[in-house]
């Protein structure tokens, strides 16, 4: 029994060490902000505030990887997102919407715009976000043109870059078309009312 427990501890530590933290819990070293909004550090967490903005990880783009974000909302109308597959470093907060994909964070949206959806491109198959104030773990698995979203242990979305998507109706909906296999990642600050917290942003090959 003792040997089994020891092996379990060592295997758990090895698994934890496979994750590379992109947020150090102290400041935004390695990240850059564009747009009028802001994402600040408060009590070891990233917090969205102000107007629309995009905080992106500037040190390198990512290809096949799993992105893990641990987040919580503070109210039903909180809105944010995780940008993936941005081909270049963004110069404005809308760059990620139209040139990458936005994995939505929004408990109040419809299936095309709720947490885990690829904003207006691929809807969720289930709602699995926890109530406001509770932490959620979202894993975004990138493999070539395939994107898989797992929220709190449940797969809720799977999207291929060449699959059929709804027609674009509004200017703020993303420009249609596949994105590259490698790109920058970022976090969205949507508006001044939304207050979303992130305590972990990590990647694993």
Protein backbone atom coordinates (compact mmCIF):
# COMPACT_ATOMS: atom_id res chain seq x y z
CA UNK A 1 0.00 0.00 0.00
CA UNK A 2 2.84 2.35 0.93
CA UNK A 3 4.63 1.64 -2.37
CA UNK A 4 1.45 2.27 -4.35
CA UNK A 5 0.90 5.60 -2.58
CA UNK A 6 4.50 6.66 -3.23
CA UNK A 7 4.16 5.81 -6.93
CA UNK A 8 0.93 7.79 -7.07
CA UNK A 9 2.61 10.86 -5.54
CA UNK A 10 5.56 10.68 -7.96
CA UNK A 11 3.26 10.21 -10.99
CA UNK A 12 1.12 13.15 -9.88
CA UNK A 13 4.20 15.36 -9.53
CA UNK A 14 5.42 14.29 -12.97
CA UNK A 15 2.06 15.12 -14.51
CA UNK A 16 2.03 18.55 -12.86
CA UNK A 17 5.53 19.26 -14.12
CA UNK A 18 4.43 18.73 -17.73
CA UNK A 19 2.46 21.98 -17.57
CA UNK A 20 4.33 25.18 -18.38
CA UNK A 21 2.81 28.21 -16.60
CA UNK A 22 2.56 31.32 -18.78
CA UNK A 23 1.27 33.48 -15.91
CA UNK A 24 3.62 33.64 -12.92
CA UNK A 25 1.00 34.79 -10.40
CA UNK A 26 2.86 38.05 -9.71
CA UNK A 27 2.88 40.21 -12.84
CA UNK A 28 2.36 40.12 -16.59
CA UNK A 29 5.95 39.36 -17.56
CA UNK A 30 5.95 37.89 -21.07
CA UNK A 31 2.54 39.36 -21.91
CA UNK A 32 1.56 42.51 -23.82
CA UNK A 33 -1.70 44.49 -23.78
CA UNK A 34 -3.42 46.18 -26.72
CA UNK A 35 -6.60 48.23 -26.65
CA UNK A 36 -8.15 50.66 -24.14
CA UNK A 37 -9.09 47.95 -21.63
CA UNK A 38 -6.73 46.36 -19.16
CA UNK A 39 -6.03 43.06 -17.45
CA UNK A 40 -4.29 43.68 -14.14
CA UNK A 41 -2.91 41.44 -11.39
CA UNK A 42 -4.83 41.31 -8.13
CA UNK A 43 -4.07 38.89 -5.27
CA UNK A 44 -2.16 36.57 -7.59
CA UNK A 45 -4.88 36.56 -10.27
CA UNK A 46 -5.41 38.26 -13.61
CA UNK A 47 -8.50 40.51 -13.57
CA UNK A 48 -10.29 42.06 -16.55
CA UNK A 49 -11.21 45.74 -16.24
CA UNK A 50 -11.86 48.84 -18.32
CA UNK A 51 -12.89 48.79 -21.97
CA UNK A 52 -12.19 46.20 -24.64
CA UNK A 53 -8.65 44.88 -24.67
CA UNK A 54 -6.48 41.91 -25.55
CA UNK A 55 -3.65 40.61 -23.36
CA UNK A 56 -1.49 38.24 -25.41
CA UNK A 57 1.51 36.07 -24.66
CA UNK A 58 4.27 37.70 -26.71
CA UNK A 59 7.20 35.34 -26.24
CA UNK A 60 6.22 32.81 -28.92
CA UNK A 61 3.36 31.33 -30.93
CA UNK A 62 2.05 27.83 -30.21
CA UNK A 63 1.23 24.93 -32.54
CA UNK A 64 0.06 21.52 -31.27
CA UNK A 65 -0.51 22.03 -27.56
CA UNK A 66 -3.09 22.06 -24.80
CA UNK A 67 -3.93 25.42 -23.24
CA UNK A 68 -5.35 25.37 -19.72
CA UNK A 69 -7.09 28.38 -18.21
CA UNK A 70 -8.59 28.35 -14.72
CA UNK A 71 -11.12 31.18 -14.42
CA UNK A 72 -14.14 32.41 -12.54
CA UNK A 73 -16.81 34.97 -13.32
CA UNK A 74 -18.44 37.35 -10.87
CA UNK A 75 -21.86 37.67 -12.50
CA UNK A 76 -24.22 36.27 -15.14
CA UNK A 77 -23.28 38.92 -17.74
CA UNK A 78 -19.51 38.60 -17.46
CA UNK A 79 -17.87 38.17 -20.84
CA UNK A 80 -14.34 37.24 -21.83
CA UNK A 81 -12.53 34.74 -24.02
CA UNK A 82 -9.33 32.94 -24.90
CA UNK A 83 -7.84 33.79 -28.29
CA UNK A 84 -6.00 31.08 -30.20
CA UNK A 85 -4.23 30.74 -33.57
CA UNK A 86 -3.49 34.44 -34.07
CA UNK A 87 -0.89 34.39 -36.89
CA UNK A 88 0.88 37.60 -35.81
CA UNK A 89 1.23 39.70 -32.68
CA UNK A 90 -2.01 41.72 -32.48
CA UNK A 91 -1.94 45.49 -32.87
CA UNK A 92 -5.53 46.10 -31.74
CA UNK A 93 -8.14 44.29 -29.60
CA UNK A 94 -10.19 43.14 -32.63
CA UNK A 95 -7.28 41.34 -34.27
CA UNK A 96 -7.93 38.12 -32.38
CA UNK A 97 -11.61 38.09 -33.32
CA UNK A 98 -11.02 38.35 -37.07
CA UNK A 99 -7.66 36.61 -37.50
CA UNK A 100 -7.71 33.94 -34.81
CA UNK A 101 -10.47 32.09 -32.98
CA UNK A 102 -12.11 33.19 -29.75
CA UNK A 103 -13.01 30.44 -27.30
CA UNK A 104 -15.85 32.18 -25.51
CA UNK A 105 -16.32 32.76 -21.78
CA UNK A 106 -19.94 33.84 -21.22
CA UNK A 107 -22.47 31.87 -19.19
CA UNK A 108 -25.38 33.94 -20.51
CA UNK A 109 -24.88 33.50 -24.27
CA UNK A 110 -26.66 31.10 -26.59
CA UNK A 111 -24.98 27.88 -27.74
CA UNK A 112 -22.94 29.75 -30.37
CA UNK A 113 -21.75 32.38 -27.88
CA UNK A 114 -21.51 30.64 -24.52
CA UNK A 115 -18.50 29.35 -22.61
CA UNK A 116 -16.58 26.87 -24.75
CA UNK A 117 -18.05 27.97 -28.08
CA UNK A 118 -15.75 29.18 -30.84
CA UNK A 119 -17.46 32.53 -31.08
CA UNK A 120 -20.23 32.35 -33.74
CA UNK A 121 -18.39 29.52 -35.57
CA UNK A 122 -18.87 26.33 -33.54
CA UNK A 123 -21.51 25.87 -30.85
CA UNK A 124 -21.19 23.94 -27.61
CA UNK A 125 -22.80 20.54 -27.18
CA UNK A 126 -23.35 21.02 -23.44
CA UNK A 127 -23.34 23.72 -20.75
CA UNK A 128 -20.87 22.88 -18.00
CA UNK A 129 -19.80 26.20 -16.48
CA UNK A 130 -20.00 26.51 -12.71
CA UNK A 131 -21.94 29.33 -11.02
CA UNK A 132 -20.39 32.78 -10.63
CA UNK A 133 -17.70 32.82 -7.96
CA UNK A 134 -16.61 29.20 -8.53
CA UNK A 135 -13.47 28.21 -10.41
CA UNK A 136 -13.67 26.56 -13.84
CA UNK A 137 -10.94 24.65 -15.66
CA UNK A 138 -11.01 24.90 -19.46
CA UNK A 139 -8.59 22.89 -21.59
CA UNK A 140 -8.24 23.88 -25.26
CA UNK A 141 -6.53 21.13 -27.23
CA UNK A 142 -4.90 22.22 -30.50
CA UNK A 143 -3.89 19.54 -32.99
CA UNK A 144 -3.40 20.72 -36.54
CA UNK A 145 -6.71 22.18 -37.70
CA UNK A 146 -8.63 20.43 -34.92
CA UNK A 147 -9.64 22.37 -31.80
CA UNK A 148 -11.22 20.53 -28.86
CA UNK A 149 -12.65 22.31 -25.82
CA UNK A 150 -13.00 20.53 -22.47
CA UNK A 151 -14.74 22.41 -19.66
CA UNK A 152 -14.54 21.03 -16.12
CA UNK A 153 -13.70 17.59 -17.44
CA UNK A 154 -16.43 17.44 -20.11
CA UNK A 155 -15.79 17.75 -23.85
CA UNK A 156 -18.22 20.40 -25.07
CA UNK A 157 -16.88 21.42 -28.48
CA UNK A 158 -14.87 20.07 -31.39
CA UNK A 159 -14.08 22.17 -34.44
CA UNK A 160 -12.12 21.71 -37.65
CA UNK A 161 -10.85 24.77 -39.49
CA UNK A 162 -12.34 23.62 -42.81
CA UNK A 163 -15.80 22.64 -41.57
CA UNK A 164 -18.95 24.46 -42.64
CA UNK A 165 -19.88 27.40 -40.42
CA UNK A 166 -22.85 29.81 -40.29
CA UNK A 167 -22.82 32.78 -42.63
CA UNK A 168 -21.35 35.98 -41.19
CA UNK A 169 -24.13 38.47 -40.43
CA UNK A 170 -22.60 41.29 -38.39
CA UNK A 171 -19.33 43.22 -38.68
CA UNK A 172 -18.21 42.17 -35.20
CA UNK A 173 -18.52 38.47 -35.99
CA UNK A 174 -15.22 36.85 -37.00
CA UNK A 175 -14.14 36.84 -40.62
CA UNK A 176 -14.66 33.29 -41.87
CA UNK A 177 -11.87 31.01 -43.06
CA UNK A 178 -9.28 28.63 -41.60
CA UNK A 179 -6.50 29.87 -39.34
CA UNK A 180 -2.87 28.69 -39.33
CA UNK A 181 -1.74 25.65 -37.37
CA UNK A 182 0.46 27.87 -35.17
CA UNK A 183 -0.37 31.19 -33.56
CA UNK A 184 -0.28 33.47 -30.55
CA UNK A 185 -2.70 33.10 -27.67
CA UNK A 186 -4.37 35.77 -25.56
CA UNK A 187 -7.11 36.72 -23.12
CA UNK A 188 -9.93 39.13 -23.86
CA UNK A 189 -11.16 41.97 -21.70
CA UNK A 190 -14.62 42.49 -23.20
CA UNK A 191 -16.09 45.57 -21.53
CA UNK A 192 -15.98 47.80 -18.46
CA UNK A 193 -18.76 45.92 -16.62
CA UNK A 194 -17.26 42.44 -16.95
CA UNK A 195 -14.98 41.20 -14.19
CA UNK A 196 -13.41 37.81 -14.92
CA UNK A 197 -10.50 36.35 -12.94
CA UNK A 198 -7.82 33.94 -14.15
CA UNK A 199 -5.57 32.17 -11.65
CA UNK A 200 -3.82 29.87 -14.11
CA UNK A 201 -2.80 30.03 -17.77
CA UNK A 202 -0.61 27.07 -18.73
CA UNK A 203 0.34 25.01 -21.77
CA UNK A 204 1.37 21.40 -22.30
CA UNK A 205 2.72 19.76 -25.44
